[in-house]
Amino acid sequence: MALGVLSIGFIILLITAIIIQILLYRRKSETGNSIFIINMLLGILLAYLAFTALPTNDTGQRALAIVWGVLAVFAVVLKLTIPKFMTKSKILLSIAIIVGLVKLI
């Protein structure tokens, strides 16, 4: 029963990630800072979930899980400070979210 609830939660996270990634890669005029912030929050949430899902003695993997959350924050900071790196920041956000989802599997 509990595994069914976990799989439903994972499917909801997956669908949410797909939707906000589609919104992220729309035309440049439609992509606002709010989509970047939502992507960053999802990246941080996935990093947190991956961090707490690992046992406490697996410090290397736990640190790597936190790195993906920091990468999401770095991508948003990069986009807000240097606008010409918008494409690179989108790619960094996508990497952080995809790897966060893979770490949860």
PDB file of N, CA and C in Angstrom:
ATOM      1  N   MET A   1       0.811  -1.188   0.000  1.00  0.00           N
ATOM      2  CA  MET A   1       0.000   0.000   0.000  1.00  0.00           C
ATOM      3  C   MET A   1       0.859   1.259   0.000  1.00  0.00           C
ATOM      4  N   ALA A   2       1.900   1.268   0.805  1.00  0.00           N
ATOM      5  CA  ALA A   2       2.750   2.452   0.893  1.00  0.00           C
ATOM      6  C   ALA A   2       3.527   2.674  -0.404  1.00  0.00           C
ATOM      7  N   LEU A   3       3.910   1.597  -1.069  1.00  0.00           N
ATOM      8  CA  LEU A   3       4.630   1.750  -2.328  1.00  0.00           C
ATOM      9  C   LEU A   3       3.738   2.337  -3.417  1.00  0.00           C
ATOM     10  N   GLY A   4       2.451   2.063  -3.359  1.00  0.00           N
ATOM     11  CA  GLY A   4       1.523   2.656  -4.308  1.00  0.00           C
ATOM     12  C   GLY A   4       1.431   4.161  -4.124  1.00  0.00           C
ATOM     13  N   VAL A   5       1.411   4.603  -2.879  1.00  0.00           N
ATOM     14  CA  VAL A   5       1.373   6.040  -2.593  1.00  0.00           C
ATOM     15  C   VAL A   5       2.663   6.698  -3.059  1.00  0.00           C
ATOM     16  N   LEU A   6       3.788   6.038  -2.829  1.00  0.00           N
ATOM     17  CA  LEU A   6       5.067   6.585  -3.288  1.00  0.00           C
ATOM     18  C   LEU A   6       5.137   6.666  -4.805  1.00  0.00           C
ATOM     19  N   SER A   7       4.620   5.667  -5.496  1.00  0.00           N
ATOM     20  CA  SER A   7       4.656   5.704  -6.955  1.00  0.00           C
ATOM     21  C   SER A   7       3.736   6.791  -7.496  1.00  0.00           C
ATOM     22  N   ILE A   8       2.594   7.017  -6.859  1.00  0.00           N
ATOM     23  CA  ILE A   8       1.715   8.111  -7.275  1.00  0.00           C
ATOM     24  C   ILE A   8       2.402   9.449  -7.052  1.00  0.00           C
ATOM     25  N   GLY A   9       3.081   9.602  -5.925  1.00  0.00           N
ATOM     26  CA  GLY A   9       3.833  10.836  -5.669  1.00  0.00           C
ATOM     27  C   GLY A   9       4.932  11.055  -6.687  1.00  0.00           C
ATOM     28  N   PHE A  10       5.616   9.985  -7.065  1.00  0.00           N
ATOM     29  CA  PHE A  10       6.675  10.108  -8.070  1.00  0.00           C
ATOM     30  C   PHE A  10       6.101  10.466  -9.430  1.00  0.00           C
ATOM     31  N   ILE A  11       4.959   9.898  -9.782  1.00  0.00           N
ATOM     32  CA  ILE A  11       4.326  10.226 -11.057  1.00  0.00           C
ATOM     33  C   ILE A  11       3.893  11.686 -11.074  1.00  0.00           C
ATOM     34  N   ILE A  12       3.377  12.193  -9.957  1.00  0.00           N
ATOM     35  CA  ILE A  12       2.995  13.605  -9.875  1.00  0.00           C
ATOM     36  C   ILE A  12       4.218  14.494 -10.040  1.00  0.00           C
ATOM     37  N   LEU A  13       5.329  14.141  -9.396  1.00  0.00           N
ATOM     38  CA  LEU A  13       6.567  14.915  -9.563  1.00  0.00           C
ATOM     39  C   LEU A  13       7.055  14.871 -11.004  1.00  0.00           C
ATOM     40  N   LEU A  14       6.953  13.729 -11.637  1.00  0.00           N
ATOM     41  CA  LEU A  14       7.395  13.583 -13.021  1.00  0.00           C
ATOM     42  C   LEU A  14       6.550  14.427 -13.967  1.00  0.00           C
ATOM     43  N   ILE A  15       5.235  14.395 -13.804  1.00  0.00           N
ATOM     44  CA  ILE A  15       4.358  15.196 -14.659  1.00  0.00           C
ATOM     45  C   ILE A  15       4.595  16.680 -14.434  1.00  0.00           C
ATOM     46  N   THR A  16       4.781  17.081 -13.179  1.00  0.00           N
ATOM     47  CA  THR A  16       5.080  18.484 -12.873  1.00  0.00           C
ATOM     48  C   THR A  16       6.384  18.912 -13.515  1.00  0.00           C
ATOM     49  N   ALA A  17       7.389  18.064 -13.448  1.00  0.00           N
ATOM     50  CA  ALA A  17       8.685  18.398 -14.054  1.00  0.00           C
ATOM     51  C   ALA A  17       8.566  18.545 -15.564  1.00  0.00           C
ATOM     52  N   ILE A  18       7.806  17.680 -16.194  1.00  0.00           N
ATOM     53  CA  ILE A  18       7.640  17.766 -17.654  1.00  0.00           C
ATOM     54  C   ILE A  18       6.925  19.055 -18.027  1.00  0.00           C
ATOM     55  N   ILE A  19       5.886  19.406 -17.281  1.00  0.00           N
ATOM     56  CA  ILE A  19       5.124  20.619 -17.604  1.00  0.00           C
ATOM     57  C   ILE A  19       5.977  21.867 -17.435  1.00  0.00           C
ATOM     58  N   ILE A  20       6.717  21.967 -16.336  1.00  0.00           N
ATOM     59  CA  ILE A  20       7.490  23.192 -16.151  1.00  0.00           C
ATOM     60  C   ILE A  20       8.714  23.239 -17.064  1.00  0.00           C
ATOM     61  N   GLN A  21       9.203  22.085 -17.501  1.00  0.00           N
ATOM     62  CA  GLN A  21      10.280  22.110 -18.488  1.00  0.00           C
ATOM     63  C   GLN A  21       9.768  22.585 -19.840  1.00  0.00           C
ATOM     64  N   ILE A  22       8.551  22.200 -20.200  1.00  0.00           N
ATOM     65  CA  ILE A  22       7.947  22.703 -21.442  1.00  0.00           C
ATOM     66  C   ILE A  22       7.756  24.212 -21.347  1.00  0.00           C
ATOM     67  N   LEU A  23       7.290  24.687 -20.193  1.00  0.00           N
ATOM     68  CA  LEU A  23       7.116  26.131 -20.016  1.00  0.00           C
ATOM     69  C   LEU A  23       8.447  26.867 -20.034  1.00  0.00           C
ATOM     70  N   LEU A  24       9.496  26.221 -19.558  1.00  0.00           N
ATOM     71  CA  LEU A  24      10.811  26.852 -19.527  1.00  0.00           C
ATOM     72  C   LEU A  24      11.364  27.088 -20.922  1.00  0.00           C
ATOM     73  N   TYR A  25      11.118  26.157 -21.835  1.00  0.00           N
ATOM     74  CA  TYR A  25      11.707  26.253 -23.168  1.00  0.00           C
ATOM     75  C   TYR A  25      10.773  26.870 -24.207  1.00  0.00           C
ATOM     76  N   ARG A  26       9.778  27.591 -23.763  1.00  0.00           N
ATOM     77  CA  ARG A  26       8.948  28.331 -24.712  1.00  0.00           C
ATOM     78  C   ARG A  26       9.749  29.484 -25.281  1.00  0.00           C
ATOM     79  N   ARG A  27       9.109  30.249 -26.159  1.00  0.00           N
ATOM     80  CA  ARG A  27       9.816  31.378 -26.768  1.00  0.00           C
ATOM     81  C   ARG A  27      10.354  32.325 -25.708  1.00  0.00           C
ATOM     82  N   LYS A  28      11.376  33.071 -26.054  1.00  0.00           N
ATOM     83  CA  LYS A  28      12.077  33.924 -25.096  1.00  0.00           C
ATOM     84  C   LYS A  28      11.171  34.994 -24.496  1.00  0.00           C
ATOM     85  N   SER A  29      10.247  35.514 -25.281  1.00  0.00           N
ATOM     86  CA  SER A  29       9.403  36.585 -24.774  1.00  0.00           C
ATOM     87  C   SER A  29       8.420  36.087 -23.710  1.00  0.00           C
ATOM     88  N   GLU A  30       8.073  34.805 -23.756  1.00  0.00           N
ATOM     89  CA  GLU A  30       7.120  34.264 -22.804  1.00  0.00           C
ATOM     90  C   GLU A  30       7.778  33.703 -21.547  1.00  0.00           C
ATOM     91  N   THR A  31       9.070  33.511 -21.565  1.00  0.00           N
ATOM     92  CA  THR A  31       9.758  32.930 -20.416  1.00  0.00           C
ATOM     93  C   THR A  31      10.095  34.040 -19.426  1.00  0.00           C
ATOM     94  N   GLY A  32       9.455  33.989 -18.280  1.00  0.00           N
ATOM     95  CA  GLY A  32       9.689  35.000 -17.263  1.00  0.00           C
ATOM     96  C   GLY A  32      10.499  34.454 -16.116  1.00  0.00           C
ATOM     97  N   ASN A  33      10.743  35.332 -15.151  1.00  0.00           N
ATOM     98  CA  ASN A  33      11.503  34.908 -13.982  1.00  0.00           C
ATOM     99  C   ASN A  33      10.715  33.931 -13.124  1.00  0.00           C
ATOM    100  N   SER A  34       9.383  33.989 -13.184  1.00  0.00           N
ATOM    101  CA  SER A  34       8.583  33.094 -12.345  1.00  0.00           C
ATOM    102  C   SER A  34       8.770  31.631 -12.737  1.00  0.00           C
ATOM    103  N   ILE A  35       8.914  31.359 -14.029  1.00  0.00           N
ATOM    104  CA  ILE A  35       9.149  29.979 -14.465  1.00  0.00           C
ATOM    105  C   ILE A  35      10.513  29.499 -13.965  1.00  0.00           C
ATOM    106  N   PHE A  36      11.500  30.372 -13.999  1.00  0.00           N
ATOM    107  CA  PHE A  36      12.821  30.002 -13.480  1.00  0.00           C
ATOM    108  C   PHE A  36      12.749  29.711 -11.985  1.00  0.00           C
ATOM    109  N   ILE A  37      12.014  30.534 -11.252  1.00  0.00           N
ATOM    110  CA  ILE A  37      11.904  30.333  -9.804  1.00  0.00           C
ATOM    111  C   ILE A  37      11.178  29.022  -9.500  1.00  0.00           C
ATOM    112  N   ILE A  38      10.107  28.724 -10.244  1.00  0.00           N
ATOM    113  CA  ILE A  38       9.375  27.472 -10.037  1.00  0.00           C
ATOM    114  C   ILE A  38      10.282  26.279 -10.334  1.00  0.00           C
ATOM    115  N   ASN A  39      11.071  26.370 -11.403  1.00  0.00           N
ATOM    116  CA  ASN A  39      12.020  25.300 -11.718  1.00  0.00           C
ATOM    117  C   ASN A  39      13.057  25.152 -10.611  1.00  0.00           C
ATOM    118  N   MET A  40      13.535  26.271 -10.092  1.00  0.00           N
ATOM    119  CA  MET A  40      14.524  26.207  -9.023  1.00  0.00           C
ATOM    120  C   MET A  40      13.926  25.545  -7.786  1.00  0.00           C
ATOM    121  N   LEU A  41      12.691  25.907  -7.445  1.00  0.00           N
ATOM    122  CA  LEU A  41      12.054  25.304  -6.275  1.00  0.00           C
ATOM    123  C   LEU A  41      11.849  23.806  -6.456  1.00  0.00           C
ATOM    124  N   LEU A  42      11.489  23.390  -7.659  1.00  0.00           N
ATOM    125  CA  LEU A  42      11.358  21.953  -7.913  1.00  0.00           C
ATOM    126  C   LEU A  42      12.714  21.261  -7.817  1.00  0.00           C
ATOM    127  N   GLY A  43      13.759  21.901  -8.338  1.00  0.00           N
ATOM    128  CA  GLY A  43      15.104  21.332  -8.226  1.00  0.00           C
ATOM    129  C   GLY A  43      15.549  21.190  -6.788  1.00  0.00           C
ATOM    130  N   ILE A  44      15.233  22.189  -5.969  1.00  0.00           N
ATOM    131  CA  ILE A  44      15.584  22.117  -4.547  1.00  0.00           C
ATOM    132  C   ILE A  44      14.761  21.035  -3.853  1.00  0.00           C
ATOM    133  N   LEU A  45      13.478  20.935  -4.192  1.00  0.00           N
ATOM    134  CA  LEU A  45      12.631  19.899  -3.609  1.00  0.00           C
ATOM    135  C   LEU A  45      13.136  18.510  -3.960  1.00  0.00           C
ATOM    136  N   LEU A  46      13.502  18.300  -5.212  1.00  0.00           N
ATOM    137  CA  LEU A  46      14.019  16.991  -5.625  1.00  0.00           C
ATOM    138  C   LEU A  46      15.344  16.677  -4.934  1.00  0.00           C
ATOM    139  N   ALA A  47      16.195  17.692  -4.784  1.00  0.00           N
ATOM    140  CA  ALA A  47      17.465  17.475  -4.078  1.00  0.00           C
ATOM    141  C   ALA A  47      17.212  17.115  -2.620  1.00  0.00           C
ATOM    142  N   TYR A  48      16.248  17.787  -2.007  1.00  0.00           N
ATOM    143  CA  TYR A  48      15.919  17.495  -0.609  1.00  0.00           C
ATOM    144  C   TYR A  48      15.359  16.081  -0.461  1.00  0.00           C
ATOM    145  N   LEU A  49      14.459  15.707  -1.367  1.00  0.00           N
ATOM    146  CA  LEU A  49      13.889  14.359  -1.304  1.00  0.00           C
ATOM    147  C   LEU A  49      14.954  13.284  -1.521  1.00  0.00           C
ATOM    148  N   ALA A  50      15.858  13.536  -2.466  1.00  0.00           N
ATOM    149  CA  ALA A  50      16.937  12.572  -2.706  1.00  0.00           C
ATOM    150  C   ALA A  50      17.880  12.512  -1.506  1.00  0.00           C
ATOM    151  N   PHE A  51      18.122  13.657  -0.870  1.00  0.00           N
ATOM    152  CA  PHE A  51      18.993  13.722   0.302  1.00  0.00           C
ATOM    153  C   PHE A  51      18.401  12.944   1.466  1.00  0.00           C
ATOM    154  N   THR A  52      17.114  13.130   1.717  1.00  0.00           N
ATOM    155  CA  THR A  52      16.501  12.459   2.855  1.00  0.00           C
ATOM    156  C   THR A  52      16.185  10.997   2.582  1.00  0.00           C
ATOM    157  N   ALA A  53      16.162  10.590   1.320  1.00  0.00           N
ATOM    158  CA  ALA A  53      15.883   9.193   0.998  1.00  0.00           C
ATOM    159  C   ALA A  53      17.092   8.291   1.215  1.00  0.00           C
ATOM    160  N   LEU A  54      18.269   8.879   1.269  1.00  0.00           N
ATOM    161  CA  LEU A  54      19.492   8.089   1.426  1.00  0.00           C
ATOM    162  C   LEU A  54      19.799   7.869   2.905  1.00  0.00           C
ATOM    163  N   PRO A  55      20.465   6.758   3.237  1.00  0.00           N
ATOM    164  CA  PRO A  55      20.837   6.524   4.640  1.00  0.00           C
ATOM    165  C   PRO A  55      21.923   7.506   5.088  1.00  0.00           C
ATOM    166  N   THR A  56      22.019   7.694   6.398  1.00  0.00           N
ATOM    167  CA  THR A  56      22.927   8.703   6.936  1.00  0.00           C
ATOM    168  C   THR A  56      24.401   8.350   6.733  1.00  0.00           C
ATOM    169  N   ASN A  57      24.732   7.076   6.572  1.00  0.00           N
ATOM    170  CA  ASN A  57      26.133   6.717   6.403  1.00  0.00           C
ATOM    171  C   ASN A  57      26.595   6.816   4.948  1.00  0.00           C
ATOM    172  N   ASP A  58      25.723   7.180   4.052  1.00  0.00           N
ATOM    173  CA  ASP A  58      26.068   7.329   2.639  1.00  0.00           C
ATOM    174  C   ASP A  58      26.310   8.810   2.342  1.00  0.00           C
ATOM    175  N   THR A  59      27.366   9.349   2.941  1.00  0.00           N
ATOM    176  CA  THR A  59      27.594  10.794   2.887  1.00  0.00           C
ATOM    177  C   THR A  59      27.972  11.288   1.492  1.00  0.00           C
ATOM    178  N   GLY A  60      28.667  10.488   0.730  1.00  0.00           N
ATOM    179  CA  GLY A  60      29.058  10.916  -0.613  1.00  0.00           C
ATOM    180  C   GLY A  60      27.847  11.130  -1.514  1.00  0.00           C
ATOM    181  N   GLN A  61      26.926  10.183  -1.508  1.00  0.00           N
ATOM    182  CA  GLN A  61      25.714  10.308  -2.316  1.00  0.00           C
ATOM    183  C   GLN A  61      24.802  11.409  -1.797  1.00  0.00           C
ATOM    184  N   ARG A  62      24.766  11.599  -0.483  1.00  0.00           N
ATOM    185  CA  ARG A  62      23.948  12.669   0.090  1.00  0.00           C
ATOM    186  C   ARG A  62      24.506  14.029  -0.308  1.00  0.00           C
ATOM    187  N   ALA A  63      25.820  14.160  -0.300  1.00  0.00           N
ATOM    188  CA  ALA A  63      26.423  15.430  -0.712  1.00  0.00           C
ATOM    189  C   ALA A  63      26.163  15.684  -2.194  1.00  0.00           C
ATOM    190  N   LEU A  64      26.207  14.641  -2.992  1.00  0.00           N
ATOM    191  CA  LEU A  64      25.933  14.778  -4.418  1.00  0.00           C
ATOM    192  C   LEU A  64      24.479  15.181  -4.661  1.00  0.00           C
ATOM    193  N   ALA A  65      23.571  14.696  -3.831  1.00  0.00           N
ATOM    194  CA  ALA A  65      22.168  15.088  -3.954  1.00  0.00           C
ATOM    195  C   ALA A  65      21.997  16.579  -3.678  1.00  0.00           C
ATOM    196  N   ILE A  66      22.716  17.095  -2.710  1.00  0.00           N
ATOM    197  CA  ILE A  66      22.634  18.525  -2.393  1.00  0.00           C
ATOM    198  C   ILE A  66      23.255  19.359  -3.509  1.00  0.00           C
ATOM    199  N   VAL A  67      24.270  18.845  -4.169  1.00  0.00           N
ATOM    200  CA  VAL A  67      24.916  19.571  -5.265  1.00  0.00           C
ATOM    201  C   VAL A  67      23.910  19.896  -6.364  1.00  0.00           C
ATOM    202  N   TRP A  68      22.970  18.985  -6.627  1.00  0.00           N
ATOM    203  CA  TRP A  68      21.988  19.242  -7.689  1.00  0.00           C
ATOM    204  C   TRP A  68      21.041  20.366  -7.298  1.00  0.00           C
ATOM    205  N   GLY A  69      20.720  20.493  -6.030  1.00  0.00           N
ATOM    206  CA  GLY A  69      19.917  21.630  -5.575  1.00  0.00           C
ATOM    207  C   GLY A  69      20.676  22.934  -5.677  1.00  0.00           C
ATOM    208  N   VAL A  70      21.958  22.888  -5.327  1.00  0.00           N
ATOM    209  CA  VAL A  70      22.797  24.086  -5.447  1.00  0.00           C
ATOM    210  C   VAL A  70      22.960  24.473  -6.910  1.00  0.00           C
ATOM    211  N   LEU A  71      23.030  23.491  -7.802  1.00  0.00           N
ATOM    212  CA  LEU A  71      23.123  23.765  -9.236  1.00  0.00           C
ATOM    213  C   LEU A  71      21.876  24.496  -9.739  1.00  0.00           C
ATOM    214  N   ALA A  72      20.708  24.128  -9.231  1.00  0.00           N
ATOM    215  CA  ALA A  72      19.474  24.811  -9.617  1.00  0.00           C
ATOM    216  C   ALA A  72      19.492  26.265  -9.152  1.00  0.00           C
ATOM    217  N   VAL A  73      19.952  26.500  -7.937  1.00  0.00           N
ATOM    218  CA  VAL A  73      20.048  27.877  -7.429  1.00  0.00           C
ATOM    219  C   VAL A  73      21.074  28.667  -8.243  1.00  0.00           C
ATOM    220  N   PHE A  74      22.198  28.040  -8.562  1.00  0.00           N
ATOM    221  CA  PHE A  74      23.234  28.704  -9.348  1.00  0.00           C
ATOM    222  C   PHE A  74      22.719  29.083 -10.734  1.00  0.00           C
ATOM    223  N   ALA A  75      21.893  28.233 -11.331  1.00  0.00           N
ATOM    224  CA  ALA A  75      21.353  28.525 -12.658  1.00  0.00           C
ATOM    225  C   ALA A  75      20.456  29.752 -12.626  1.00  0.00           C
ATOM    226  N   VAL A  76      19.649  29.890 -11.587  1.00  0.00           N
ATOM    227  CA  VAL A  76      18.772  31.063 -11.491  1.00  0.00           C
ATOM    228  C   VAL A  76      19.590  32.323 -11.222  1.00  0.00           C
ATOM    229  N   VAL A  77      20.581  32.227 -10.363  1.00  0.00           N
ATOM    230  CA  VAL A  77      21.444  33.377 -10.092  1.00  0.00           C
ATOM    231  C   VAL A  77      22.190  33.780 -11.357  1.00  0.00           C
ATOM    232  N   LEU A  78      22.653  32.815 -12.122  1.00  0.00           N
ATOM    233  CA  LEU A  78      23.346  33.082 -13.373  1.00  0.00           C
ATOM    234  C   LEU A  78      22.432  33.804 -14.352  1.00  0.00           C
ATOM    235  N   LYS A  79      21.192  33.381 -14.444  1.00  0.00           N
ATOM    236  CA  LYS A  79      20.243  34.004 -15.364  1.00  0.00           C
ATOM    237  C   LYS A  79      19.920  35.433 -14.934  1.00  0.00           C
ATOM    238  N   LEU A  80      19.774  35.652 -13.627  1.00  0.00           N
ATOM    239  CA  LEU A  80      19.395  36.979 -13.152  1.00  0.00           C
ATOM    240  C   LEU A  80      20.548  37.976 -13.187  1.00  0.00           C
ATOM    241  N   THR A  81      21.779  37.498 -13.043  1.00  0.00           N
ATOM    242  CA  THR A  81      22.911  38.422 -13.036  1.00  0.00           C
ATOM    243  C   THR A  81      23.485  38.676 -14.422  1.00  0.00           C
ATOM    244  N   ILE A  82      23.542  37.649 -15.259  1.00  0.00           N
ATOM    245  CA  ILE A  82      24.110  37.788 -16.602  1.00  0.00           C
ATOM    246  C   ILE A  82      23.065  37.296 -17.612  1.00  0.00           C
ATOM    247  N   PRO A  83      22.265  38.197 -18.162  1.00  0.00           N
ATOM    248  CA  PRO A  83      21.162  37.772 -19.047  1.00  0.00           C
ATOM    249  C   PRO A  83      21.600  37.053 -20.324  1.00  0.00           C
ATOM    250  N   LYS A  84      22.835  37.244 -20.753  1.00  0.00           N
ATOM    251  CA  LYS A  84      23.246  36.582 -21.995  1.00  0.00           C
ATOM    252  C   LYS A  84      23.471  35.080 -21.812  1.00  0.00           C
ATOM    253  N   PHE A  85      23.499  34.596 -20.573  1.00  0.00           N
ATOM    254  CA  PHE A  85      23.657  33.168 -20.291  1.00  0.00           C
ATOM    255  C   PHE A  85      22.313  32.492 -20.035  1.00  0.00           C
ATOM    256  N   MET A  86      21.247  33.005 -20.638  1.00  0.00           N
ATOM    257  CA  MET A  86      19.922  32.451 -20.387  1.00  0.00           C
ATOM    258  C   MET A  86      19.818  30.993 -20.840  1.00  0.00           C
ATOM    259  N   THR A  87      20.349  30.679 -22.000  1.00  0.00           N
ATOM    260  CA  THR A  87      20.272  29.313 -22.508  1.00  0.00           C
ATOM    261  C   THR A  87      21.059  28.352 -21.619  1.00  0.00           C
ATOM    262  N   LYS A  88      22.227  28.776 -21.171  1.00  0.00           N
ATOM    263  CA  LYS A  88      23.027  27.924 -20.293  1.00  0.00           C
ATOM    264  C   LYS A  88      22.333  27.702 -18.956  1.00  0.00           C
ATOM    265  N   SER A  89      21.673  28.732 -18.454  1.00  0.00           N
ATOM    266  CA  SER A  89      20.973  28.563 -17.185  1.00  0.00           C
ATOM    267  C   SER A  89      19.763  27.640 -17.338  1.00  0.00           C
ATOM    268  N   LYS A  90      19.095  27.686 -18.489  1.00  0.00           N
ATOM    269  CA  LYS A  90      17.992  26.751 -18.737  1.00  0.00           C
ATOM    270  C   LYS A  90      18.503  25.315 -18.766  1.00  0.00           C
ATOM    271  N   ILE A  91      19.645  25.121 -19.401  1.00  0.00           N
ATOM    272  CA  ILE A  91      20.217  23.777 -19.478  1.00  0.00           C
ATOM    273  C   ILE A  91      20.631  23.288 -18.089  1.00  0.00           C
ATOM    274  N   LEU A  92      21.216  24.171 -17.277  1.00  0.00           N
ATOM    275  CA  LEU A  92      21.603  23.788 -15.917  1.00  0.00           C
ATOM    276  C   LEU A  92      20.380  23.411 -15.083  1.00  0.00           C
ATOM    277  N   LEU A  93      19.300  24.178 -15.229  1.00  0.00           N
ATOM    278  CA  LEU A  93      18.071  23.841 -14.509  1.00  0.00           C
ATOM    279  C   LEU A  93      17.528  22.483 -14.940  1.00  0.00           C
ATOM    280  N   SER A  94      17.561  22.235 -16.233  1.00  0.00           N
ATOM    281  CA  SER A  94      17.068  20.953 -16.739  1.00  0.00           C
ATOM    282  C   SER A  94      17.907  19.799 -16.220  1.00  0.00           C
ATOM    283  N   ILE A  95      19.211  19.981 -16.200  1.00  0.00           N
ATOM    284  CA  ILE A  95      20.101  18.934 -15.681  1.00  0.00           C
ATOM    285  C   ILE A  95      19.813  18.669 -14.204  1.00  0.00           C
ATOM    286  N   ALA A  96      19.642  19.737 -13.428  1.00  0.00           N
ATOM    287  CA  ALA A  96      19.379  19.577 -11.997  1.00  0.00           C
ATOM    288  C   ALA A  96      18.071  18.827 -11.753  1.00  0.00           C
ATOM    289  N   ILE A  97      17.054  19.127 -12.528  1.00  0.00           N
ATOM    290  CA  ILE A  97      15.762  18.468 -12.330  1.00  0.00           C
ATOM    291  C   ILE A  97      15.799  17.020 -12.815  1.00  0.00           C
ATOM    292  N   ILE A  98      16.408  16.770 -13.958  1.00  0.00           N
ATOM    293  CA  ILE A  98      16.462  15.411 -14.481  1.00  0.00           C
ATOM    294  C   ILE A  98      17.283  14.499 -13.567  1.00  0.00           C
ATOM    295  N   VAL A  99      18.423  14.982 -13.132  1.00  0.00           N
ATOM    296  CA  VAL A  99      19.258  14.148 -12.248  1.00  0.00           C
ATOM    297  C   VAL A  99      18.573  13.962 -10.895  1.00  0.00           C
ATOM    298  N   GLY A 100      17.864  14.981 -10.418  1.00  0.00           N
ATOM    299  CA  GLY A 100      17.110  14.830  -9.175  1.00  0.00           C
ATOM    300  C   GLY A 100      16.039  13.761  -9.277  1.00  0.00           C
ATOM    301  N   LEU A 101      15.357  13.726 -10.419  1.00  0.00           N
ATOM    302  CA  LEU A 101      14.363  12.675 -10.633  1.00  0.00           C
ATOM    303  C   LEU A 101      15.007  11.298 -10.745  1.00  0.00           C
ATOM    304  N   VAL A 102      16.139  11.228 -11.403  1.00  0.00           N
ATOM    305  CA  VAL A 102      16.834   9.947 -11.526  1.00  0.00           C
ATOM    306  C   VAL A 102      17.333   9.463 -10.162  1.00  0.00           C
ATOM    307  N   LYS A 103      17.779  10.378  -9.318  1.00  0.00           N
ATOM    308  CA  LYS A 103      18.241   9.992  -7.986  1.00  0.00           C
ATOM    309  C   LYS A 103      17.098   9.427  -7.128  1.00  0.00           C
ATOM    310  N   LEU A 104      15.862   9.844  -7.415  1.00  0.00           N
ATOM    311  CA  LEU A 104      14.726   9.328  -6.651  1.00  0.00           C
ATOM    312  C   LEU A 104      14.321   7.921  -7.068  1.00  0.00           C
ATOM    313  N   ILE A 105      14.688   7.521  -8.259  1.00  0.00           N
ATOM    314  CA  ILE A 105      14.327   6.182  -8.720  1.00  0.00           C
ATOM    315  C   ILE A 105      15.178   5.209  -7.950  1.00  0.00           C
TER     316      ILE A 105
END
